[in-house]
Amino acid sequence: MKNNPLLPVLALVLATLLWGSSFIALKIAFTDYPPMVVIFLRMVAASVCFLLMWPKLRHFQYQAGDWKLLLLMSLAEPCLYFMLEGLALQYTSASQAGMITSLLPPMVALAAFVVLGERLNRIAVSGFGIAFVGVAILSGFAEQSEHASNPLLGNALELAAMACAAVYCLCLKKLSQRYSPISLTALQAFAGTIFFMPMAVYVGIPPLSFDVSMMATLYLGVGVTLGAYLLYNTAIAHIELSRATAFTNLIPIFTLLFAYLILGEKLTLVQLLACGLIFAGVLVSQHRRSS
């Protein structure tokens, strides 16, 4: 990717497309299996794929002192992120949850300001405020439906998941300088399997069958947990963090499209205006910080 600057861009676009589709796949999978079981099975599916790639993973060379960052990265995402997102989709629609992901770029910038001391100008800060107002409107005017039984709670949980994703992005950027993308992605899958196993056992794993819900679960494991994360982790090693996270603005677009085509979800006019407000806030927040 170093020799072709277009490749990281293509990788990020494909990753966001896969992430956008994941909200729909989760909704489908949750119709027959409990959320924690679905997430556990997707982690298992990804882990099996990585075990088949063991020759590429056995060269992992741990560097002293990195255990804290590696642990924080894995705990933030997939562990807490997937748990919060799985709970969120029990209460809100796939399209609304997808819109909340628009807040990731400004949240990453804010986290970089707090943790790394990167400067933020007033225009960027005002953009954060605009985006959060949009999310509040989106949630406040959301109506209960078969796709969203409690959108306010669901959107709040998805917002918490985005906070975890911001922590993950900061850790990943640091670790990608020392470890290969495939090693970091495999670590996420293995950590997720261990983390969600007791939860899945506690709620009870029902008899499994190769139905639509299982196909959606396998897609989440192979296509999203392995494919999207591997693409993103590879690209982020060759592109600035702020540029990489900006591509997550494509996730809600793909999610809205898939939710409309596959699930038949719809947004009201007020909610669509709120979506526009979120995008406007995100664009303003991307204003270059003064040096």
C-alpha atoms as a PDB file:
ATOM      1  CA  MET A   1       0.000   0.000   0.000  1.00  0.00           C
ATOM      2  CA  LYS A   2       2.948   2.306   0.473  1.00  0.00           C
ATOM      3  CA  ASN A   3       3.539   2.502  -3.279  1.00  0.00           C
ATOM      4  CA  ASN A   4      -0.083   3.176  -4.188  1.00  0.00           C
ATOM      5  CA  PRO A   5      -1.898   5.822  -2.102  1.00  0.00           C
ATOM      6  CA  LEU A   6      -5.211   4.763  -3.637  1.00  0.00           C
ATOM      7  CA  LEU A   7      -5.126   1.303  -2.049  1.00  0.00           C
ATOM      8  CA  PRO A   8      -5.656   2.472   1.563  1.00  0.00           C
ATOM      9  CA  VAL A   9      -8.611   4.548   0.352  1.00  0.00           C
ATOM     10  CA  LEU A  10     -10.178   1.571  -1.420  1.00  0.00           C
ATOM     11  CA  ALA A  11      -9.576  -0.606   1.635  1.00  0.00           C
ATOM     12  CA  LEU A  12     -11.313   1.924   3.874  1.00  0.00           C
ATOM     13  CA  VAL A  13     -14.314   2.269   1.536  1.00  0.00           C
ATOM     14  CA  LEU A  14     -14.762  -1.518   1.404  1.00  0.00           C
ATOM     15  CA  ALA A  15     -14.338  -1.783   5.182  1.00  0.00           C
ATOM     16  CA  THR A  16     -17.050   0.825   5.778  1.00  0.00           C
ATOM     17  CA  LEU A  17     -19.362  -0.932   3.330  1.00  0.00           C
ATOM     18  CA  LEU A  18     -18.932  -4.170   5.289  1.00  0.00           C
ATOM     19  CA  TRP A  19     -19.451  -2.350   8.599  1.00  0.00           C
ATOM     20  CA  GLY A  20     -22.566  -0.681   7.227  1.00  0.00           C
ATOM     21  CA  SER A  21     -24.004  -4.063   6.319  1.00  0.00           C
ATOM     22  CA  SER A  22     -23.177  -5.471   9.767  1.00  0.00           C
ATOM     23  CA  PHE A  23     -26.089  -3.625  11.411  1.00  0.00           C
ATOM     24  CA  ILE A  24     -28.519  -5.382   9.083  1.00  0.00           C
ATOM     25  CA  ALA A  25     -26.839  -8.752   9.574  1.00  0.00           C
ATOM     26  CA  LEU A  26     -27.052  -8.306  13.361  1.00  0.00           C
ATOM     27  CA  LYS A  27     -30.762  -7.494  13.180  1.00  0.00           C
ATOM     28  CA  ILE A  28     -31.342 -10.643  11.123  1.00  0.00           C
ATOM     29  CA  ALA A  29     -29.226 -12.849  13.381  1.00  0.00           C
ATOM     30  CA  PHE A  30     -30.936 -11.543  16.527  1.00  0.00           C
ATOM     31  CA  THR A  31     -34.312 -12.835  15.319  1.00  0.00           C
ATOM     32  CA  ASP A  32     -33.316 -16.414  16.206  1.00  0.00           C
ATOM     33  CA  TYR A  33     -30.330 -16.168  18.542  1.00  0.00           C
ATOM     34  CA  PRO A  34     -29.597 -14.093  21.676  1.00  0.00           C
ATOM     35  CA  PRO A  35     -27.232 -11.154  21.019  1.00  0.00           C
ATOM     36  CA  MET A  36     -24.370 -12.506  23.155  1.00  0.00           C
ATOM     37  CA  VAL A  37     -24.598 -15.865  21.391  1.00  0.00           C
ATOM     38  CA  VAL A  38     -24.468 -14.194  17.970  1.00  0.00           C
ATOM     39  CA  ILE A  39     -21.433 -12.127  18.946  1.00  0.00           C
ATOM     40  CA  PHE A  40     -19.684 -15.163  20.445  1.00  0.00           C
ATOM     41  CA  LEU A  41     -20.308 -17.236  17.314  1.00  0.00           C
ATOM     42  CA  ARG A  42     -19.029 -14.452  15.031  1.00  0.00           C
ATOM     43  CA  MET A  43     -15.855 -14.297  17.135  1.00  0.00           C
ATOM     44  CA  VAL A  44     -15.458 -18.061  16.874  1.00  0.00           C
ATOM     45  CA  ALA A  45     -15.915 -17.962  13.093  1.00  0.00           C
ATOM     46  CA  ALA A  46     -13.265 -15.258  12.730  1.00  0.00           C
ATOM     47  CA  SER A  47     -10.895 -17.065  15.105  1.00  0.00           C
ATOM     48  CA  VAL A  48     -11.151 -20.291  13.108  1.00  0.00           C
ATOM     49  CA  CYS A  49     -10.220 -18.381   9.957  1.00  0.00           C
ATOM     50  CA  PHE A  50      -7.204 -16.858  11.692  1.00  0.00           C
ATOM     51  CA  LEU A  51      -6.082 -20.248  12.980  1.00  0.00           C
ATOM     52  CA  LEU A  52      -5.983 -21.377   9.356  1.00  0.00           C
ATOM     53  CA  MET A  53      -3.556 -18.496   8.797  1.00  0.00           C
ATOM     54  CA  TRP A  54      -1.305 -19.602  11.665  1.00  0.00           C
ATOM     55  CA  PRO A  55       1.934 -19.544   9.591  1.00  0.00           C
ATOM     56  CA  LYS A  56       1.471 -15.771   9.252  1.00  0.00           C
ATOM     57  CA  LEU A  57       0.641 -15.300  12.936  1.00  0.00           C
ATOM     58  CA  ARG A  58       3.408 -17.315  14.581  1.00  0.00           C
ATOM     59  CA  HIS A  59       5.955 -14.599  13.774  1.00  0.00           C
ATOM     60  CA  PHE A  60       4.259 -12.247  16.239  1.00  0.00           C
ATOM     61  CA  GLN A  61       7.011 -10.620  18.294  1.00  0.00           C
ATOM     62  CA  TYR A  62       5.730  -9.092  21.488  1.00  0.00           C
ATOM     63  CA  GLN A  63       7.530  -5.968  22.657  1.00  0.00           C
ATOM     64  CA  ALA A  64       7.936  -5.394  26.378  1.00  0.00           C
ATOM     65  CA  GLY A  65       5.414  -3.065  27.922  1.00  0.00           C
ATOM     66  CA  ASP A  66       2.861  -3.295  25.099  1.00  0.00           C
ATOM     67  CA  TRP A  67       0.508  -5.544  27.054  1.00  0.00           C
ATOM     68  CA  LYS A  68      -1.362  -2.533  28.440  1.00  0.00           C
ATOM     69  CA  LEU A  69      -2.103  -1.091  24.990  1.00  0.00           C
ATOM     70  CA  LEU A  70      -2.917  -4.520  23.546  1.00  0.00           C
ATOM     71  CA  LEU A  71      -5.278  -5.251  26.430  1.00  0.00           C
ATOM     72  CA  LEU A  72      -6.948  -1.831  26.226  1.00  0.00           C
ATOM     73  CA  MET A  73      -7.377  -2.144  22.449  1.00  0.00           C
ATOM     74  CA  SER A  74      -8.987  -5.591  22.724  1.00  0.00           C
ATOM     75  CA  LEU A  75     -11.175  -4.601  25.670  1.00  0.00           C
ATOM     76  CA  ALA A  76     -12.408  -1.461  23.890  1.00  0.00           C
ATOM     77  CA  GLU A  77     -13.072  -3.286  20.631  1.00  0.00           C
ATOM     78  CA  PRO A  78     -14.360  -5.911  20.098  1.00  0.00           C
ATOM     79  CA  CYS A  79     -15.282  -6.678  23.725  1.00  0.00           C
ATOM     80  CA  LEU A  80     -17.099  -3.620  25.107  1.00  0.00           C
ATOM     81  CA  TYR A  81     -17.920  -2.228  21.668  1.00  0.00           C
ATOM     82  CA  PHE A  82     -19.688  -5.373  20.462  1.00  0.00           C
ATOM     83  CA  MET A  83     -21.485  -5.851  23.781  1.00  0.00           C
ATOM     84  CA  LEU A  84     -22.844  -2.293  23.735  1.00  0.00           C
ATOM     85  CA  GLU A  85     -23.739  -2.462  20.044  1.00  0.00           C
ATOM     86  CA  GLY A  86     -25.482  -5.797  20.492  1.00  0.00           C
ATOM     87  CA  LEU A  87     -27.590  -4.317  23.295  1.00  0.00           C
ATOM     88  CA  ALA A  88     -28.224  -1.132  21.287  1.00  0.00           C
ATOM     89  CA  LEU A  89     -29.709  -3.007  18.341  1.00  0.00           C
ATOM     90  CA  GLN A  90     -32.246  -4.618  20.640  1.00  0.00           C
ATOM     91  CA  TYR A  91     -33.767  -1.174  21.194  1.00  0.00           C
ATOM     92  CA  THR A  92     -33.049   0.970  18.135  1.00  0.00           C
ATOM     93  CA  SER A  93     -33.194   0.497  14.380  1.00  0.00           C
ATOM     94  CA  ALA A  94     -30.233  -0.431  12.214  1.00  0.00           C
ATOM     95  CA  SER A  95     -30.497   2.868  10.317  1.00  0.00           C
ATOM     96  CA  GLN A  96     -30.409   4.994  13.486  1.00  0.00           C
ATOM     97  CA  ALA A  97     -27.530   2.999  14.966  1.00  0.00           C
ATOM     98  CA  GLY A  98     -25.668   3.469  11.706  1.00  0.00           C
ATOM     99  CA  MET A  99     -26.170   7.221  11.897  1.00  0.00           C
ATOM    100  CA  ILE A 100     -24.578   7.335  15.363  1.00  0.00           C
ATOM    101  CA  THR A 101     -21.333   6.080  13.813  1.00  0.00           C
ATOM    102  CA  SER A 102     -21.015   9.505  12.174  1.00  0.00           C
ATOM    103  CA  LEU A 103     -19.840  10.753  15.556  1.00  0.00           C
ATOM    104  CA  LEU A 104     -16.712   8.585  15.570  1.00  0.00           C
ATOM    105  CA  PRO A 105     -14.406  11.043  13.712  1.00  0.00           C
ATOM    106  CA  PRO A 106     -15.057  13.988  16.062  1.00  0.00           C
ATOM    107  CA  MET A 107     -14.896  11.667  19.078  1.00  0.00           C
ATOM    108  CA  VAL A 108     -11.494  10.403  17.933  1.00  0.00           C
ATOM    109  CA  ALA A 109     -10.320  13.986  17.491  1.00  0.00           C
ATOM    110  CA  LEU A 110     -11.574  14.850  20.970  1.00  0.00           C
ATOM    111  CA  ALA A 111      -9.881  11.783  22.464  1.00  0.00           C
ATOM    112  CA  ALA A 112      -6.639  12.730  20.702  1.00  0.00           C
ATOM    113  CA  PHE A 113      -6.936  16.186  22.246  1.00  0.00           C
ATOM    114  CA  VAL A 114      -7.392  14.777  25.756  1.00  0.00           C
ATOM    115  CA  VAL A 115      -4.904  11.892  25.538  1.00  0.00           C
ATOM    116  CA  LEU A 116      -2.309  13.042  23.024  1.00  0.00           C
ATOM    117  CA  GLY A 117      -2.576  16.785  23.506  1.00  0.00           C
ATOM    118  CA  GLU A 118      -3.489  17.488  19.882  1.00  0.00           C
ATOM    119  CA  ARG A 119      -4.926  20.967  19.438  1.00  0.00           C
ATOM    120  CA  LEU A 120      -8.543  21.661  18.508  1.00  0.00           C
ATOM    121  CA  ASN A 121      -9.792  24.960  17.157  1.00  0.00           C
ATOM    122  CA  ARG A 122     -13.134  26.531  17.972  1.00  0.00           C
ATOM    123  CA  ILE A 123     -14.653  25.646  14.611  1.00  0.00           C
ATOM    124  CA  ALA A 124     -13.950  21.935  15.151  1.00  0.00           C
ATOM    125  CA  VAL A 125     -15.403  22.075  18.671  1.00  0.00           C
ATOM    126  CA  SER A 126     -18.561  23.770  17.357  1.00  0.00           C
ATOM    127  CA  GLY A 127     -18.859  20.954  14.827  1.00  0.00           C
ATOM    128  CA  PHE A 128     -18.893  18.423  17.668  1.00  0.00           C
ATOM    129  CA  GLY A 129     -21.744  20.345  19.282  1.00  0.00           C
ATOM    130  CA  ILE A 130     -23.765  20.460  16.063  1.00  0.00           C
ATOM    131  CA  ALA A 131     -23.340  16.717  15.534  1.00  0.00           C
ATOM    132  CA  PHE A 132     -24.427  15.885  19.080  1.00  0.00           C
ATOM    133  CA  VAL A 133     -27.515  18.110  18.692  1.00  0.00           C
ATOM    134  CA  GLY A 134     -28.352  16.112  15.559  1.00  0.00           C
ATOM    135  CA  VAL A 135     -28.066  12.854  17.487  1.00  0.00           C
ATOM    136  CA  ALA A 136     -30.313  14.236  20.235  1.00  0.00           C
ATOM    137  CA  ILE A 137     -32.961  15.205  17.671  1.00  0.00           C
ATOM    138  CA  LEU A 138     -32.632  11.870  15.880  1.00  0.00           C
ATOM    139  CA  SER A 139     -33.240  10.024  19.144  1.00  0.00           C
ATOM    140  CA  GLY A 140     -35.841  12.406  20.568  1.00  0.00           C
ATOM    141  CA  PHE A 141     -38.103  12.278  17.509  1.00  0.00           C
ATOM    142  CA  ALA A 142     -37.674   8.564  16.910  1.00  0.00           C
ATOM    143  CA  GLU A 143     -40.901   6.625  17.131  1.00  0.00           C
ATOM    144  CA  GLN A 144     -41.220   3.170  18.600  1.00  0.00           C
ATOM    145  CA  SER A 145     -41.669   0.513  15.968  1.00  0.00           C
ATOM    146  CA  GLU A 146     -40.956  -3.115  15.283  1.00  0.00           C
ATOM    147  CA  HIS A 147     -37.387  -2.072  14.468  1.00  0.00           C
ATOM    148  CA  ALA A 148     -36.929   0.296  17.444  1.00  0.00           C
ATOM    149  CA  SER A 149     -38.697  -0.501  20.735  1.00  0.00           C
ATOM    150  CA  ASN A 150     -36.751   2.117  22.756  1.00  0.00           C
ATOM    151  CA  PRO A 151     -34.677   4.269  20.363  1.00  0.00           C
ATOM    152  CA  LEU A 152     -33.511   6.701  23.044  1.00  0.00           C
ATOM    153  CA  LEU A 153     -31.892   3.919  25.077  1.00  0.00           C
ATOM    154  CA  GLY A 154     -30.626   2.137  21.981  1.00  0.00           C
ATOM    155  CA  ASN A 155     -28.991   5.257  20.559  1.00  0.00           C
ATOM    156  CA  ALA A 156     -27.379   6.020  23.931  1.00  0.00           C
ATOM    157  CA  LEU A 157     -25.881   2.526  24.010  1.00  0.00           C
ATOM    158  CA  GLU A 158     -24.608   2.947  20.432  1.00  0.00           C
ATOM    159  CA  LEU A 159     -23.063   6.280  21.438  1.00  0.00           C
ATOM    160  CA  ALA A 160     -21.232   4.510  24.271  1.00  0.00           C
ATOM    161  CA  ALA A 161     -20.042   1.942  21.743  1.00  0.00           C
ATOM    162  CA  MET A 162     -18.595   4.776  19.642  1.00  0.00           C
ATOM    163  CA  ALA A 163     -16.646   5.993  22.681  1.00  0.00           C
ATOM    164  CA  CYS A 164     -15.084   2.536  22.900  1.00  0.00           C
ATOM    165  CA  ALA A 165     -14.323   2.663  19.172  1.00  0.00           C
ATOM    166  CA  ALA A 166     -12.494   5.977  19.668  1.00  0.00           C
ATOM    167  CA  VAL A 167     -10.274   4.407  22.341  1.00  0.00           C
ATOM    168  CA  TYR A 168      -9.645   1.478  19.989  1.00  0.00           C
ATOM    169  CA  CYS A 169      -8.567   3.798  17.168  1.00  0.00           C
ATOM    170  CA  LEU A 170      -6.018   5.559  19.371  1.00  0.00           C
ATOM    171  CA  CYS A 171      -4.535   2.262  20.575  1.00  0.00           C
ATOM    172  CA  LEU A 172      -4.516   0.811  17.070  1.00  0.00           C
ATOM    173  CA  LYS A 173      -2.622   3.750  15.602  1.00  0.00           C
ATOM    174  CA  LYS A 174       0.155   3.333  18.153  1.00  0.00           C
ATOM    175  CA  LEU A 175       0.311  -0.454  17.894  1.00  0.00           C
ATOM    176  CA  SER A 176       0.214  -0.535  14.071  1.00  0.00           C
ATOM    177  CA  GLN A 177       3.718   0.930  14.090  1.00  0.00           C
ATOM    178  CA  ARG A 178       5.047  -2.214  15.770  1.00  0.00           C
ATOM    179  CA  TYR A 179       2.717  -5.068  14.816  1.00  0.00           C
ATOM    180  CA  SER A 180       1.240  -6.359  11.561  1.00  0.00           C
ATOM    181  CA  PRO A 181      -2.446  -5.732  10.790  1.00  0.00           C
ATOM    182  CA  ILE A 182      -3.214  -9.448  10.632  1.00  0.00           C
ATOM    183  CA  SER A 183      -1.694 -10.015  14.093  1.00  0.00           C
ATOM    184  CA  LEU A 184      -3.718  -7.218  15.672  1.00  0.00           C
ATOM    185  CA  THR A 185      -6.949  -8.333  13.967  1.00  0.00           C
ATOM    186  CA  ALA A 186      -6.381 -11.942  15.058  1.00  0.00           C
ATOM    187  CA  LEU A 187      -5.781 -10.777  18.629  1.00  0.00           C
ATOM    188  CA  GLN A 188      -9.141  -8.999  18.550  1.00  0.00           C
ATOM    189  CA  ALA A 189     -10.906 -12.160  17.372  1.00  0.00           C
ATOM    190  CA  PHE A 190      -9.257 -14.383  19.997  1.00  0.00           C
ATOM    191  CA  ALA A 191      -9.901 -11.862  22.789  1.00  0.00           C
ATOM    192  CA  GLY A 192     -13.531 -11.523  21.724  1.00  0.00           C
ATOM    193  CA  THR A 193     -14.020 -15.282  21.745  1.00  0.00           C
ATOM    194  CA  ILE A 194     -12.733 -15.554  25.313  1.00  0.00           C
ATOM    195  CA  PHE A 195     -14.684 -12.494  26.487  1.00  0.00           C
ATOM    196  CA  PHE A 196     -18.073 -13.514  25.090  1.00  0.00           C
ATOM    197  CA  MET A 197     -17.858 -17.264  25.792  1.00  0.00           C
ATOM    198  CA  PRO A 198     -19.125 -17.096  29.417  1.00  0.00           C
ATOM    199  CA  MET A 199     -21.922 -14.702  28.418  1.00  0.00           C
ATOM    200  CA  ALA A 200     -23.067 -17.031  25.645  1.00  0.00           C
ATOM    201  CA  VAL A 201     -22.976 -20.027  27.969  1.00  0.00           C
ATOM    202  CA  TYR A 202     -24.890 -18.094  30.638  1.00  0.00           C
ATOM    203  CA  VAL A 203     -27.770 -17.090  28.355  1.00  0.00           C
ATOM    204  CA  GLY A 204     -27.722 -20.534  26.778  1.00  0.00           C
ATOM    205  CA  ILE A 205     -26.694 -21.522  23.263  1.00  0.00           C
ATOM    206  CA  PRO A 206     -29.790 -22.861  21.463  1.00  0.00           C
ATOM    207  CA  PRO A 207     -29.665 -25.675  18.912  1.00  0.00           C
ATOM    208  CA  LEU A 208     -27.898 -24.362  15.835  1.00  0.00           C
ATOM    209  CA  SER A 209     -29.094 -24.835  12.283  1.00  0.00           C
ATOM    210  CA  PHE A 210     -27.887 -23.518   8.952  1.00  0.00           C
ATOM    211  CA  ASP A 211     -30.679 -20.981   8.485  1.00  0.00           C
ATOM    212  CA  VAL A 212     -30.742 -17.310   7.492  1.00  0.00           C
ATOM    213  CA  SER A 213     -29.786 -16.191  10.992  1.00  0.00           C
ATOM    214  CA  MET A 214     -26.792 -18.516  11.052  1.00  0.00           C
ATOM    215  CA  MET A 215     -25.722 -17.332   7.607  1.00  0.00           C
ATOM    216  CA  ALA A 216     -25.909 -13.747   8.880  1.00  0.00           C
ATOM    217  CA  THR A 217     -23.807 -14.733  11.920  1.00  0.00           C
ATOM    218  CA  LEU A 218     -21.153 -16.395   9.774  1.00  0.00           C
ATOM    219  CA  TYR A 219     -21.104 -13.340   7.525  1.00  0.00           C
ATOM    220  CA  LEU A 220     -20.480 -11.179  10.584  1.00  0.00           C
ATOM    221  CA  GLY A 221     -17.558 -13.386  11.584  1.00  0.00           C
ATOM    222  CA  VAL A 222     -15.873 -13.858   8.233  1.00  0.00           C
ATOM    223  CA  GLY A 223     -16.952 -10.812   6.263  1.00  0.00           C
ATOM    224  CA  VAL A 224     -16.968  -8.182   8.997  1.00  0.00           C
ATOM    225  CA  THR A 225     -14.853  -9.272  11.985  1.00  0.00           C
ATOM    226  CA  LEU A 226     -12.159 -10.701   9.716  1.00  0.00           C
ATOM    227  CA  GLY A 227     -12.617  -8.792   6.454  1.00  0.00           C
ATOM    228  CA  ALA A 228     -13.566  -5.262   7.535  1.00  0.00           C
ATOM    229  CA  TYR A 229     -11.203  -5.089  10.488  1.00  0.00           C
ATOM    230  CA  LEU A 230      -8.303  -6.509   8.513  1.00  0.00           C
ATOM    231  CA  LEU A 231      -8.885  -3.958   5.758  1.00  0.00           C
ATOM    232  CA  TYR A 232      -9.169  -1.094   8.253  1.00  0.00           C
ATOM    233  CA  ASN A 233      -6.182  -2.178  10.345  1.00  0.00           C
ATOM    234  CA  THR A 234      -4.079  -2.499   7.200  1.00  0.00           C
ATOM    235  CA  ALA A 235      -5.088   0.912   5.875  1.00  0.00           C
ATOM    236  CA  ILE A 236      -4.596   2.739   9.163  1.00  0.00           C
ATOM    237  CA  ALA A 237      -0.921   1.745   9.162  1.00  0.00           C
ATOM    238  CA  HIS A 238      -0.452   3.737   5.944  1.00  0.00           C
ATOM    239  CA  ILE A 239      -2.733   6.734   6.441  1.00  0.00           C
ATOM    240  CA  GLU A 240      -3.266   9.439   9.073  1.00  0.00           C
ATOM    241  CA  LEU A 241      -5.675   8.530  11.883  1.00  0.00           C
ATOM    242  CA  SER A 242      -7.915  11.553  11.268  1.00  0.00           C
ATOM    243  CA  ARG A 243      -8.213  10.715   7.559  1.00  0.00           C
ATOM    244  CA  ALA A 244      -8.930   7.054   8.266  1.00  0.00           C
ATOM    245  CA  THR A 245     -11.671   7.716  10.816  1.00  0.00           C
ATOM    246  CA  ALA A 246     -13.278  10.266   8.473  1.00  0.00           C
ATOM    247  CA  PHE A 247     -14.179   7.355   6.179  1.00  0.00           C
ATOM    248  CA  THR A 248     -16.540   6.029   8.875  1.00  0.00           C
ATOM    249  CA  ASN A 249     -18.923   8.769   7.719  1.00  0.00           C
ATOM    250  CA  LEU A 250     -19.734   6.379   4.867  1.00  0.00           C
ATOM    251  CA  ILE A 251     -21.066   3.751   7.300  1.00  0.00           C
ATOM    252  CA  PRO A 252     -24.470   5.407   7.898  1.00  0.00           C
ATOM    253  CA  ILE A 253     -24.947   5.893   4.157  1.00  0.00           C
ATOM    254  CA  PHE A 254     -24.397   2.193   3.508  1.00  0.00           C
ATOM    255  CA  THR A 255     -26.482   1.271   6.562  1.00  0.00           C
ATOM    256  CA  LEU A 256     -29.438   3.422   5.467  1.00  0.00           C
ATOM    257  CA  LEU A 257     -29.287   1.899   1.995  1.00  0.00           C
ATOM    258  CA  PHE A 258     -29.124  -1.691   3.244  1.00  0.00           C
ATOM    259  CA  ALA A 259     -31.770  -1.085   5.932  1.00  0.00           C
ATOM    260  CA  TYR A 260     -34.154   0.357   3.333  1.00  0.00           C
ATOM    261  CA  LEU A 261     -33.532  -2.394   0.760  1.00  0.00           C
ATOM    262  CA  ILE A 262     -33.375  -5.405   3.088  1.00  0.00           C
ATOM    263  CA  LEU A 263     -35.268  -4.532   6.294  1.00  0.00           C
ATOM    264  CA  GLY A 264     -37.730  -1.993   4.913  1.00  0.00           C
ATOM    265  CA  GLU A 265     -36.798   0.579   7.569  1.00  0.00           C
ATOM    266  CA  LYS A 266     -37.808   4.198   7.066  1.00  0.00           C
ATOM    267  CA  LEU A 267     -36.886   7.519   8.665  1.00  0.00           C
ATOM    268  CA  THR A 268     -39.268  10.436   9.231  1.00  0.00           C
ATOM    269  CA  LEU A 269     -38.631  13.844   7.668  1.00  0.00           C
ATOM    270  CA  VAL A 270     -37.473  15.264  11.026  1.00  0.00           C
ATOM    271  CA  GLN A 271     -35.065  12.363  11.493  1.00  0.00           C
ATOM    272  CA  LEU A 272     -33.705  12.835   7.961  1.00  0.00           C
ATOM    273  CA  LEU A 273     -33.120  16.510   8.777  1.00  0.00           C
ATOM    274  CA  ALA A 274     -31.372  15.403  11.973  1.00  0.00           C
ATOM    275  CA  CYS A 275     -29.172  13.117   9.862  1.00  0.00           C
ATOM    276  CA  GLY A 276     -28.249  16.131   7.746  1.00  0.00           C
ATOM    277  CA  LEU A 277     -27.405  18.042  10.930  1.00  0.00           C
ATOM    278  CA  ILE A 278     -25.122  15.225  12.058  1.00  0.00           C
ATOM    279  CA  PHE A 279     -23.312  15.211   8.722  1.00  0.00           C
ATOM    280  CA  ALA A 280     -22.979  19.010   8.814  1.00  0.00           C
ATOM    281  CA  GLY A 281     -21.510  18.852  12.304  1.00  0.00           C
ATOM    282  CA  VAL A 282     -19.079  16.131  11.303  1.00  0.00           C
ATOM    283  CA  LEU A 283     -17.941  18.126   8.260  1.00  0.00           C
ATOM    284  CA  VAL A 284     -17.397  21.223  10.404  1.00  0.00           C
ATOM    285  CA  SER A 285     -15.490  19.162  12.969  1.00  0.00           C
ATOM    286  CA  GLN A 286     -13.079  18.038  10.249  1.00  0.00           C
ATOM    287  CA  HIS A 287     -11.824  21.623   9.891  1.00  0.00           C
ATOM    288  CA  ARG A 288      -8.048  21.546  10.028  1.00  0.00           C
ATOM    289  CA  ARG A 289      -6.659  22.449  13.405  1.00  0.00           C
ATOM    290  CA  SER A 290      -4.432  25.479  13.498  1.00  0.00           C
ATOM    291  CA  SER A 291      -0.752  24.814  14.009  1.00  0.00           C
END
